[in-house]
Amino acid sequence: MDWQTLFALVAENCNKEVPIEVDHELCYVYRTKKKGLPFSKTVTVCQKTAFARNELTEIIDFLDSHGYRAKITQQA
C-alpha cells in the first residue's frame, strides 16, 4: 500500500469525508472539492484512484487514524 499516495489524494477532502466505491476486485478512493463562489456547499468528485479491494480494511484503518471518515458505497 502506498500510504503517501492515499494521503495526498484525500488530504484536502471536504469535511474529512472520503467517498469509497467498491466494485468487484477494486475499490476507488475519491478526492472531493468544494465548488462555487465563495466555496458554496456544492461538493464535486474530481479525482479517483483505484486500489485492490483486499486493501479496503487497511485503507479505512489508515483514514480513521488520521481523522477521516470513509463513506463506502457498493457498485451495482
N, C-alpha and C. Protein backbone atom coordinates (compact mmCIF):
# COMPACT_ATOMS: atom_id res chain seq x y z
N MET A 1 0.85 -1.19 0.00
CA MET A 1 0.00 0.00 0.00
C MET A 1 0.88 1.24 0.00
N ASP A 2 0.57 2.16 -0.89
CA ASP A 2 1.31 3.42 -0.97
C ASP A 2 0.55 4.47 -0.15
N TRP A 3 0.92 4.59 1.12
CA TRP A 3 0.20 5.49 2.03
C TRP A 3 0.38 6.95 1.64
N GLN A 4 1.52 7.31 1.09
CA GLN A 4 1.73 8.70 0.67
C GLN A 4 0.78 9.10 -0.45
N THR A 5 0.57 8.20 -1.40
CA THR A 5 -0.36 8.47 -2.50
C THR A 5 -1.77 8.62 -1.95
N LEU A 6 -2.16 7.73 -1.06
CA LEU A 6 -3.51 7.79 -0.48
C LEU A 6 -3.70 9.09 0.29
N PHE A 7 -2.73 9.45 1.12
CA PHE A 7 -2.86 10.66 1.92
C PHE A 7 -2.88 11.91 1.03
N ALA A 8 -2.05 11.94 0.00
CA ALA A 8 -2.04 13.07 -0.93
C ALA A 8 -3.38 13.20 -1.64
N LEU A 9 -4.01 12.08 -1.94
CA LEU A 9 -5.31 12.09 -2.62
C LEU A 9 -6.40 12.71 -1.75
N VAL A 10 -6.43 12.37 -0.47
CA VAL A 10 -7.56 12.78 0.39
C VAL A 10 -7.23 13.93 1.34
N ALA A 11 -6.02 14.45 1.31
CA ALA A 11 -5.58 15.44 2.30
C ALA A 11 -6.49 16.64 2.43
N GLU A 12 -7.11 17.09 1.33
CA GLU A 12 -7.94 18.28 1.38
C GLU A 12 -9.42 17.98 1.15
N ASN A 13 -9.84 16.74 1.37
CA ASN A 13 -11.24 16.39 1.15
C ASN A 13 -12.16 17.21 2.05
N CYS A 14 -13.32 17.55 1.51
CA CYS A 14 -14.31 18.33 2.23
C CYS A 14 -14.77 17.59 3.48
N ASN A 15 -14.80 18.27 4.59
CA ASN A 15 -15.30 17.74 5.86
C ASN A 15 -14.61 16.45 6.29
N LYS A 16 -13.40 16.21 5.78
CA LYS A 16 -12.64 15.00 6.11
C LYS A 16 -13.44 13.73 5.84
N GLU A 17 -14.29 13.78 4.81
CA GLU A 17 -15.07 12.61 4.40
C GLU A 17 -14.48 12.08 3.09
N VAL A 18 -14.29 10.77 3.04
CA VAL A 18 -13.66 10.15 1.87
C VAL A 18 -14.63 9.15 1.24
N PRO A 19 -15.19 9.50 0.07
CA PRO A 19 -16.04 8.54 -0.64
C PRO A 19 -15.20 7.38 -1.18
N ILE A 20 -15.67 6.17 -0.93
CA ILE A 20 -15.01 4.97 -1.45
C ILE A 20 -16.08 4.13 -2.13
N GLU A 21 -15.83 3.76 -3.38
CA GLU A 21 -16.75 2.93 -4.14
C GLU A 21 -16.12 1.56 -4.35
N VAL A 22 -16.83 0.52 -3.95
CA VAL A 22 -16.33 -0.85 -4.09
C VAL A 22 -16.96 -1.47 -5.33
N ASP A 23 -16.12 -1.98 -6.23
CA ASP A 23 -16.59 -2.56 -7.49
C ASP A 23 -15.76 -3.80 -7.81
N HIS A 24 -16.35 -4.96 -7.63
CA HIS A 24 -15.69 -6.24 -7.89
C HIS A 24 -14.38 -6.35 -7.10
N GLU A 25 -13.24 -6.40 -7.78
CA GLU A 25 -11.96 -6.59 -7.10
C GLU A 25 -11.24 -5.28 -6.79
N LEU A 26 -11.86 -4.16 -7.10
CA LEU A 26 -11.24 -2.86 -6.87
C LEU A 26 -12.06 -2.00 -5.93
N CYS A 27 -11.41 -1.05 -5.31
CA CYS A 27 -12.13 0.00 -4.59
C CYS A 27 -11.53 1.32 -5.05
N TYR A 28 -12.41 2.27 -5.29
CA TYR A 28 -12.00 3.58 -5.78
C TYR A 28 -12.11 4.58 -4.66
N VAL A 29 -11.02 5.27 -4.38
CA VAL A 29 -10.98 6.29 -3.34
C VAL A 29 -11.03 7.64 -4.06
N TYR A 30 -11.93 8.52 -3.61
CA TYR A 30 -12.16 9.78 -4.29
C TYR A 30 -11.61 10.98 -3.54
N ARG A 31 -11.14 11.96 -4.30
CA ARG A 31 -10.81 13.28 -3.77
C ARG A 31 -12.02 14.16 -4.06
N THR A 32 -12.44 14.94 -3.08
CA THR A 32 -13.56 15.84 -3.28
C THR A 32 -13.09 17.28 -3.14
N LYS A 33 -13.91 18.18 -3.66
CA LYS A 33 -13.53 19.58 -3.68
C LYS A 33 -14.79 20.43 -3.64
N LYS A 34 -14.75 21.53 -2.90
CA LYS A 34 -15.87 22.45 -2.89
C LYS A 34 -15.81 23.32 -4.13
N LYS A 35 -16.99 23.63 -4.66
CA LYS A 35 -17.06 24.37 -5.90
C LYS A 35 -18.03 25.53 -5.73
N GLY A 36 -17.81 26.59 -6.42
CA GLY A 36 -18.71 27.72 -6.39
C GLY A 36 -18.10 28.92 -5.70
N LEU A 37 -18.78 30.02 -5.76
CA LEU A 37 -18.27 31.24 -5.14
C LEU A 37 -19.16 31.66 -4.00
N PRO A 38 -18.69 32.02 -2.86
CA PRO A 38 -17.35 31.65 -2.41
C PRO A 38 -17.40 30.28 -1.76
N PHE A 39 -17.02 29.28 -2.46
CA PHE A 39 -16.98 27.88 -1.99
C PHE A 39 -18.29 27.48 -1.33
N SER A 40 -19.31 27.42 -2.13
CA SER A 40 -20.63 27.03 -1.64
C SER A 40 -20.61 25.58 -1.16
N LYS A 41 -21.74 25.10 -0.73
CA LYS A 41 -21.81 23.76 -0.16
C LYS A 41 -21.80 22.66 -1.21
N THR A 42 -21.78 23.01 -2.48
CA THR A 42 -21.75 22.00 -3.53
C THR A 42 -20.42 21.27 -3.51
N VAL A 43 -20.49 19.95 -3.41
CA VAL A 43 -19.27 19.14 -3.36
C VAL A 43 -19.23 18.32 -4.65
N THR A 44 -18.10 18.35 -5.31
CA THR A 44 -17.95 17.56 -6.53
C THR A 44 -16.81 16.57 -6.37
N VAL A 45 -16.97 15.44 -7.01
CA VAL A 45 -15.89 14.45 -7.02
C VAL A 45 -15.01 14.80 -8.20
N CYS A 46 -13.74 15.00 -7.95
CA CYS A 46 -12.89 15.48 -9.04
C CYS A 46 -11.74 14.53 -9.39
N GLN A 47 -11.49 13.52 -8.60
CA GLN A 47 -10.41 12.59 -8.92
C GLN A 47 -10.62 11.30 -8.14
N LYS A 48 -10.27 10.18 -8.76
CA LYS A 48 -10.34 8.91 -8.04
C LYS A 48 -9.10 8.09 -8.37
N THR A 49 -8.74 7.22 -7.42
CA THR A 49 -7.61 6.31 -7.59
C THR A 49 -8.08 4.92 -7.19
N ALA A 50 -7.70 3.92 -7.97
CA ALA A 50 -8.10 2.55 -7.72
C ALA A 50 -7.09 1.85 -6.83
N PHE A 51 -7.62 1.09 -5.88
CA PHE A 51 -6.81 0.24 -5.01
C PHE A 51 -7.44 -1.15 -5.04
N ALA A 52 -6.69 -2.15 -4.64
CA ALA A 52 -7.21 -3.52 -4.56
C ALA A 52 -8.25 -3.61 -3.45
N ARG A 53 -9.33 -4.33 -3.72
CA ARG A 53 -10.41 -4.45 -2.74
C ARG A 53 -9.92 -5.07 -1.43
N ASN A 54 -8.95 -5.98 -1.50
CA ASN A 54 -8.46 -6.62 -0.28
C ASN A 54 -7.69 -5.65 0.62
N GLU A 55 -7.41 -4.44 0.14
CA GLU A 55 -6.75 -3.43 0.95
C GLU A 55 -7.74 -2.48 1.64
N LEU A 56 -9.03 -2.71 1.42
CA LEU A 56 -10.05 -1.80 1.94
C LEU A 56 -9.99 -1.63 3.45
N THR A 57 -9.82 -2.71 4.19
CA THR A 57 -9.75 -2.63 5.65
C THR A 57 -8.56 -1.78 6.09
N GLU A 58 -7.42 -1.97 5.44
CA GLU A 58 -6.24 -1.16 5.76
C GLU A 58 -6.47 0.31 5.44
N ILE A 59 -7.13 0.57 4.32
CA ILE A 59 -7.42 1.95 3.92
C ILE A 59 -8.32 2.62 4.96
N ILE A 60 -9.37 1.94 5.38
CA ILE A 60 -10.29 2.50 6.37
C ILE A 60 -9.57 2.75 7.68
N ASP A 61 -8.75 1.80 8.13
CA ASP A 61 -7.98 1.99 9.37
C ASP A 61 -7.04 3.19 9.26
N PHE A 62 -6.38 3.34 8.12
CA PHE A 62 -5.48 4.47 7.91
C PHE A 62 -6.24 5.79 7.96
N LEU A 63 -7.38 5.83 7.28
CA LEU A 63 -8.19 7.05 7.28
C LEU A 63 -8.68 7.39 8.67
N ASP A 64 -9.16 6.38 9.40
CA ASP A 64 -9.64 6.59 10.78
C ASP A 64 -8.53 7.15 11.66
N SER A 65 -7.33 6.61 11.51
CA SER A 65 -6.22 7.04 12.37
C SER A 65 -5.79 8.48 12.08
N HIS A 66 -6.18 9.01 10.92
CA HIS A 66 -5.83 10.38 10.56
C HIS A 66 -7.05 11.31 10.62
N GLY A 67 -8.13 10.86 11.23
CA GLY A 67 -9.29 11.71 11.44
C GLY A 67 -10.23 11.82 10.26
N TYR A 68 -10.14 10.94 9.30
CA TYR A 68 -11.04 10.95 8.14
C TYR A 68 -12.14 9.92 8.33
N ARG A 69 -13.26 10.14 7.65
CA ARG A 69 -14.41 9.25 7.74
C ARG A 69 -14.67 8.68 6.35
N ALA A 70 -14.68 7.36 6.24
CA ALA A 70 -14.93 6.70 4.96
C ALA A 70 -16.43 6.59 4.73
N LYS A 71 -16.85 6.92 3.51
CA LYS A 71 -18.26 6.77 3.10
C LYS A 71 -18.25 5.76 1.96
N ILE A 72 -18.60 4.52 2.29
CA ILE A 72 -18.44 3.40 1.36
C ILE A 72 -19.76 3.11 0.64
N THR A 73 -19.68 2.94 -0.69
CA THR A 73 -20.82 2.53 -1.49
C THR A 73 -20.42 1.33 -2.33
N GLN A 74 -21.38 0.49 -2.64
CA GLN A 74 -21.16 -0.69 -3.48
C GLN A 74 -21.63 -0.38 -4.90
N GLN A 75 -20.82 -0.73 -5.89
CA GLN A 75 -21.23 -0.58 -7.28
C GLN A 75 -22.19 -1.70 -7.62
N ALA A 76 -23.27 -1.40 -8.29
CA ALA A 76 -24.28 -2.41 -8.63
C ALA A 76 -23.84 -3.27 -9.77
